[in-house]
Amino acid sequence: MGAAMVDLVEHSHAARTPSATAWVLCGGAAVVITSTMLVAATLPAWRAKRDLYRVLSRTCAAAAVGCLALDAARPAPPLFGLVLIALFLIPWWAAVTCRLRHEEAQ
């Protein structure tokens, strides 16, 4: 993904993100988000706090699908980069928000 970021910067003036660059970045992002949830599913906390992790797993699945949709759309590189950052931030925002709500409820 790091090498693809260099290519994204090099093509920052282009009307659309190059196909190979988009595929590597979006595919890599989808794998990272999905892998994070698969690893989290092995933790004891996953079973103890199912309601908390259910929301997070659905959010991560939606973000991974969003990454694949971004790959298909391939907007201009600056917009591509911003949307990809937002797709990474959504699961973290959801995790923090759900965790804070979960702690307040207890």
N, C-alpha and C. Protein backbone atom coordinates (compact mmCIF):
# COMPACT_ATOMS: atom_id res chain seq x y z
N MET A 1 0.83 -1.19 0.00
CA MET A 1 0.00 0.00 0.00
C MET A 1 0.87 1.25 0.00
N GLY A 2 2.03 1.18 0.64
CA GLY A 2 2.92 2.33 0.67
C GLY A 2 3.41 2.73 -0.71
N ALA A 3 3.77 1.74 -1.52
CA ALA A 3 4.22 2.03 -2.88
C ALA A 3 3.09 2.62 -3.71
N ALA A 4 1.89 2.16 -3.49
CA ALA A 4 0.74 2.69 -4.23
C ALA A 4 0.45 4.13 -3.83
N MET A 5 0.75 4.49 -2.59
CA MET A 5 0.57 5.89 -2.17
C MET A 5 1.49 6.81 -2.95
N VAL A 6 2.71 6.36 -3.22
CA VAL A 6 3.64 7.15 -4.02
C VAL A 6 3.05 7.36 -5.41
N ASP A 7 2.48 6.31 -5.98
CA ASP A 7 1.87 6.41 -7.31
C ASP A 7 0.66 7.35 -7.28
N LEU A 8 -0.07 7.33 -6.19
CA LEU A 8 -1.23 8.23 -6.05
C LEU A 8 -0.77 9.68 -6.07
N VAL A 9 0.32 9.98 -5.37
CA VAL A 9 0.86 11.34 -5.35
C VAL A 9 1.39 11.73 -6.73
N GLU A 10 2.07 10.80 -7.39
CA GLU A 10 2.61 11.09 -8.72
C GLU A 10 1.51 11.40 -9.74
N HIS A 11 0.34 10.83 -9.56
CA HIS A 11 -0.78 11.05 -10.49
C HIS A 11 -1.82 12.01 -9.92
N SER A 12 -1.40 12.84 -8.98
CA SER A 12 -2.36 13.73 -8.31
C SER A 12 -3.06 14.70 -9.26
N HIS A 13 -2.48 14.95 -10.40
CA HIS A 13 -3.08 15.85 -11.39
C HIS A 13 -4.07 15.15 -12.32
N ALA A 14 -4.11 13.83 -12.29
CA ALA A 14 -4.95 13.06 -13.21
C ALA A 14 -6.43 13.22 -12.88
N ALA A 15 -7.25 12.98 -13.88
CA ALA A 15 -8.69 13.06 -13.70
C ALA A 15 -9.23 11.88 -12.91
N ARG A 16 -8.58 10.72 -13.06
CA ARG A 16 -8.98 9.51 -12.34
C ARG A 16 -7.75 8.83 -11.77
N THR A 17 -7.93 8.14 -10.68
CA THR A 17 -6.85 7.37 -10.07
C THR A 17 -6.54 6.18 -10.97
N PRO A 18 -5.26 5.90 -11.23
CA PRO A 18 -4.93 4.75 -12.06
C PRO A 18 -5.51 3.45 -11.48
N SER A 19 -5.93 2.57 -12.35
CA SER A 19 -6.60 1.34 -11.95
C SER A 19 -5.76 0.48 -10.99
N ALA A 20 -4.49 0.27 -11.32
CA ALA A 20 -3.64 -0.57 -10.46
C ALA A 20 -3.46 0.05 -9.08
N THR A 21 -3.29 1.35 -9.05
CA THR A 21 -3.13 2.05 -7.77
C THR A 21 -4.39 1.92 -6.92
N ALA A 22 -5.53 2.14 -7.54
CA ALA A 22 -6.81 2.03 -6.83
C ALA A 22 -7.02 0.62 -6.31
N TRP A 23 -6.69 -0.37 -7.12
CA TRP A 23 -6.88 -1.76 -6.72
C TRP A 23 -6.01 -2.10 -5.52
N VAL A 24 -4.74 -1.72 -5.56
CA VAL A 24 -3.83 -2.05 -4.46
C VAL A 24 -4.26 -1.33 -3.17
N LEU A 25 -4.58 -0.05 -3.27
CA LEU A 25 -4.96 0.69 -2.06
C LEU A 25 -6.29 0.22 -1.50
N CYS A 26 -7.28 0.08 -2.34
CA CYS A 26 -8.60 -0.32 -1.85
C CYS A 26 -8.63 -1.78 -1.42
N GLY A 27 -7.98 -2.63 -2.20
CA GLY A 27 -7.92 -4.04 -1.81
C GLY A 27 -7.16 -4.21 -0.50
N GLY A 28 -6.05 -3.51 -0.37
CA GLY A 28 -5.28 -3.58 0.87
C GLY A 28 -6.06 -3.05 2.05
N ALA A 29 -6.77 -1.94 1.86
CA ALA A 29 -7.57 -1.37 2.94
C ALA A 29 -8.69 -2.33 3.36
N ALA A 30 -9.35 -2.95 2.39
CA ALA A 30 -10.41 -3.91 2.71
C ALA A 30 -9.86 -5.10 3.47
N VAL A 31 -8.68 -5.57 3.09
CA VAL A 31 -8.05 -6.70 3.79
C VAL A 31 -7.68 -6.31 5.22
N VAL A 32 -7.13 -5.11 5.40
CA VAL A 32 -6.75 -4.66 6.76
C VAL A 32 -7.98 -4.56 7.65
N ILE A 33 -9.03 -3.95 7.15
CA ILE A 33 -10.24 -3.77 7.96
C ILE A 33 -10.87 -5.12 8.30
N THR A 34 -10.95 -6.00 7.31
CA THR A 34 -11.54 -7.33 7.54
C THR A 34 -10.67 -8.16 8.48
N SER A 35 -9.37 -8.12 8.29
CA SER A 35 -8.46 -8.88 9.15
C SER A 35 -8.53 -8.41 10.59
N THR A 36 -8.67 -7.13 10.78
CA THR A 36 -8.79 -6.60 12.14
C THR A 36 -9.99 -7.20 12.85
N MET A 37 -11.11 -7.30 12.16
CA MET A 37 -12.29 -7.87 12.78
C MET A 37 -12.15 -9.37 12.98
N LEU A 38 -11.48 -10.06 12.08
CA LEU A 38 -11.27 -11.49 12.26
C LEU A 38 -10.38 -11.77 13.47
N VAL A 39 -9.36 -10.94 13.66
CA VAL A 39 -8.51 -11.10 14.84
C VAL A 39 -9.31 -10.75 16.11
N ALA A 40 -10.10 -9.70 16.04
CA ALA A 40 -10.91 -9.31 17.20
C ALA A 40 -11.90 -10.41 17.58
N ALA A 41 -12.38 -11.16 16.60
CA ALA A 41 -13.34 -12.23 16.87
C ALA A 41 -12.73 -13.36 17.70
N THR A 42 -11.43 -13.43 17.76
CA THR A 42 -10.77 -14.48 18.54
C THR A 42 -10.56 -14.07 20.00
N LEU A 43 -10.82 -12.83 20.32
CA LEU A 43 -10.58 -12.33 21.68
C LEU A 43 -11.72 -12.73 22.62
N PRO A 44 -11.43 -12.97 23.89
CA PRO A 44 -12.49 -13.28 24.86
C PRO A 44 -13.53 -12.16 24.98
N ALA A 45 -13.09 -10.92 24.81
CA ALA A 45 -14.03 -9.79 24.91
C ALA A 45 -15.11 -9.85 23.83
N TRP A 46 -14.80 -10.47 22.72
CA TRP A 46 -15.78 -10.59 21.63
C TRP A 46 -17.02 -11.35 22.12
N ARG A 47 -16.80 -12.42 22.86
CA ARG A 47 -17.91 -13.22 23.37
C ARG A 47 -18.59 -12.52 24.57
N ALA A 48 -17.82 -11.83 25.37
CA ALA A 48 -18.37 -11.19 26.57
C ALA A 48 -19.20 -9.94 26.23
N LYS A 49 -18.83 -9.25 25.17
CA LYS A 49 -19.52 -8.00 24.81
C LYS A 49 -20.03 -8.07 23.37
N ARG A 50 -20.85 -9.07 23.11
CA ARG A 50 -21.34 -9.30 21.74
C ARG A 50 -22.05 -8.09 21.15
N ASP A 51 -22.87 -7.42 21.95
CA ASP A 51 -23.61 -6.27 21.43
C ASP A 51 -22.68 -5.16 20.95
N LEU A 52 -21.60 -4.97 21.66
CA LEU A 52 -20.61 -3.94 21.29
C LEU A 52 -19.89 -4.33 19.99
N TYR A 53 -19.45 -5.57 19.92
CA TYR A 53 -18.67 -5.99 18.76
C TYR A 53 -19.53 -6.26 17.53
N ARG A 54 -20.80 -6.54 17.72
CA ARG A 54 -21.70 -6.74 16.57
C ARG A 54 -21.79 -5.46 15.75
N VAL A 55 -21.95 -4.34 16.43
CA VAL A 55 -22.01 -3.05 15.73
C VAL A 55 -20.69 -2.78 15.02
N LEU A 56 -19.60 -3.04 15.70
CA LEU A 56 -18.29 -2.78 15.12
C LEU A 56 -18.02 -3.68 13.91
N SER A 57 -18.42 -4.94 13.99
CA SER A 57 -18.18 -5.84 12.86
C SER A 57 -19.00 -5.42 11.65
N ARG A 58 -20.21 -4.98 11.86
CA ARG A 58 -21.04 -4.51 10.73
C ARG A 58 -20.47 -3.23 10.14
N THR A 59 -19.96 -2.35 10.99
CA THR A 59 -19.35 -1.12 10.51
C THR A 59 -18.10 -1.42 9.68
N CYS A 60 -17.30 -2.36 10.15
CA CYS A 60 -16.10 -2.74 9.41
C CYS A 60 -16.45 -3.39 8.07
N ALA A 61 -17.48 -4.21 8.07
CA ALA A 61 -17.91 -4.83 6.81
C ALA A 61 -18.37 -3.76 5.83
N ALA A 62 -19.12 -2.77 6.31
CA ALA A 62 -19.56 -1.69 5.44
C ALA A 62 -18.38 -0.87 4.93
N ALA A 63 -17.40 -0.62 5.78
CA ALA A 63 -16.21 0.13 5.35
C ALA A 63 -15.42 -0.66 4.31
N ALA A 64 -15.30 -1.97 4.47
CA ALA A 64 -14.60 -2.80 3.49
C ALA A 64 -15.32 -2.78 2.15
N VAL A 65 -16.64 -2.85 2.17
CA VAL A 65 -17.42 -2.75 0.93
C VAL A 65 -17.26 -1.36 0.33
N GLY A 66 -17.21 -0.34 1.18
CA GLY A 66 -16.97 1.02 0.69
C GLY A 66 -15.63 1.14 -0.01
N CYS A 67 -14.62 0.45 0.50
CA CYS A 67 -13.30 0.44 -0.15
C CYS A 67 -13.40 -0.14 -1.55
N LEU A 68 -14.16 -1.22 -1.68
CA LEU A 68 -14.31 -1.85 -3.00
C LEU A 68 -15.11 -0.95 -3.95
N ALA A 69 -16.09 -0.23 -3.40
CA ALA A 69 -16.85 0.71 -4.23
C ALA A 69 -15.96 1.87 -4.68
N LEU A 70 -15.09 2.33 -3.79
CA LEU A 70 -14.15 3.39 -4.15
C LEU A 70 -13.22 2.92 -5.26
N ASP A 71 -12.81 1.66 -5.20
CA ASP A 71 -11.97 1.08 -6.25
C ASP A 71 -12.69 1.13 -7.59
N ALA A 72 -13.96 0.83 -7.60
CA ALA A 72 -14.73 0.84 -8.84
C ALA A 72 -14.92 2.26 -9.37
N ALA A 73 -15.10 3.21 -8.47
CA ALA A 73 -15.35 4.60 -8.89
C ALA A 73 -14.09 5.30 -9.38
N ARG A 74 -12.96 5.04 -8.72
CA ARG A 74 -11.67 5.64 -9.06
C ARG A 74 -11.76 7.14 -9.35
N PRO A 75 -12.16 7.95 -8.34
CA PRO A 75 -12.19 9.40 -8.56
C PRO A 75 -10.78 9.97 -8.67
N ALA A 76 -10.68 11.27 -8.83
CA ALA A 76 -9.38 11.94 -8.91
C ALA A 76 -8.57 11.62 -7.66
N PRO A 77 -7.26 11.48 -7.77
CA PRO A 77 -6.41 11.07 -6.64
C PRO A 77 -6.61 11.84 -5.34
N PRO A 78 -6.73 13.17 -5.34
CA PRO A 78 -6.94 13.85 -4.04
C PRO A 78 -8.23 13.41 -3.35
N LEU A 79 -9.31 13.31 -4.12
CA LEU A 79 -10.58 12.85 -3.56
C LEU A 79 -10.48 11.39 -3.14
N PHE A 80 -9.81 10.60 -3.95
CA PHE A 80 -9.60 9.18 -3.65
C PHE A 80 -8.93 9.04 -2.28
N GLY A 81 -7.86 9.79 -2.06
CA GLY A 81 -7.13 9.72 -0.80
C GLY A 81 -7.99 10.14 0.39
N LEU A 82 -8.76 11.20 0.23
CA LEU A 82 -9.63 11.66 1.32
C LEU A 82 -10.70 10.64 1.66
N VAL A 83 -11.31 10.05 0.64
CA VAL A 83 -12.36 9.06 0.89
C VAL A 83 -11.76 7.82 1.55
N LEU A 84 -10.58 7.42 1.12
CA LEU A 84 -9.94 6.25 1.72
C LEU A 84 -9.62 6.50 3.19
N ILE A 85 -9.16 7.69 3.51
CA ILE A 85 -8.91 8.05 4.91
C ILE A 85 -10.21 7.99 5.71
N ALA A 86 -11.27 8.53 5.14
CA ALA A 86 -12.57 8.50 5.82
C ALA A 86 -13.04 7.07 6.07
N LEU A 87 -12.81 6.19 5.08
CA LEU A 87 -13.22 4.80 5.25
C LEU A 87 -12.44 4.10 6.36
N PHE A 88 -11.19 4.50 6.57
CA PHE A 88 -10.43 3.96 7.70
C PHE A 88 -10.90 4.56 9.02
N LEU A 89 -11.32 5.82 9.00
CA LEU A 89 -11.74 6.47 10.25
C LEU A 89 -13.10 6.02 10.74
N ILE A 90 -13.98 5.63 9.85
CA ILE A 90 -15.34 5.25 10.24
C ILE A 90 -15.35 4.11 11.27
N PRO A 91 -14.63 3.00 11.06
CA PRO A 91 -14.65 1.95 12.09
C PRO A 91 -14.06 2.41 13.43
N TRP A 92 -13.01 3.24 13.38
CA TRP A 92 -12.43 3.73 14.64
C TRP A 92 -13.41 4.65 15.36
N TRP A 93 -14.08 5.51 14.62
CA TRP A 93 -15.08 6.39 15.22
C TRP A 93 -16.20 5.56 15.83
N ALA A 94 -16.65 4.55 15.12
CA ALA A 94 -17.72 3.70 15.63
C ALA A 94 -17.27 2.95 16.88
N ALA A 95 -16.04 2.47 16.88
CA ALA A 95 -15.53 1.73 18.03
C ALA A 95 -15.49 2.60 19.28
N VAL A 96 -14.96 3.81 19.13
CA VAL A 96 -14.86 4.71 20.27
C VAL A 96 -16.25 5.12 20.75
N THR A 97 -17.12 5.47 19.83
CA THR A 97 -18.48 5.89 20.18
C THR A 97 -19.24 4.77 20.89
N CYS A 98 -19.19 3.57 20.32
CA CYS A 98 -19.90 2.44 20.93
C CYS A 98 -19.32 2.10 22.28
N ARG A 99 -18.03 2.14 22.40
CA ARG A 99 -17.37 1.82 23.67
C ARG A 99 -17.78 2.81 24.76
N LEU A 100 -17.79 4.10 24.42
CA LEU A 100 -18.19 5.11 25.40
C LEU A 100 -19.64 4.94 25.81
N ARG A 101 -20.51 4.66 24.85
CA ARG A 101 -21.91 4.43 25.17
C ARG A 101 -22.09 3.18 26.03
N HIS A 102 -21.33 2.16 25.70
CA HIS A 102 -21.40 0.90 26.45
C HIS A 102 -20.95 1.11 27.89
N GLU A 103 -19.91 1.88 28.12
CA GLU A 103 -19.42 2.16 29.47
C GLU A 103 -20.40 3.01 30.25
N GLU A 104 -21.06 3.95 29.58
CA GLU A 104 -22.06 4.80 30.26
C GLU A 104 -23.26 3.97 30.69
N ALA A 105 -23.62 2.97 29.90
CA ALA A 105 -24.79 2.15 30.22
C ALA A 105 -24.55 1.25 31.42
N GLN A 106 -23.30 1.00 31.73
CA GLN A 106 -23.02 0.07 32.86
C GLN A 106 -22.97 0.78 34.15
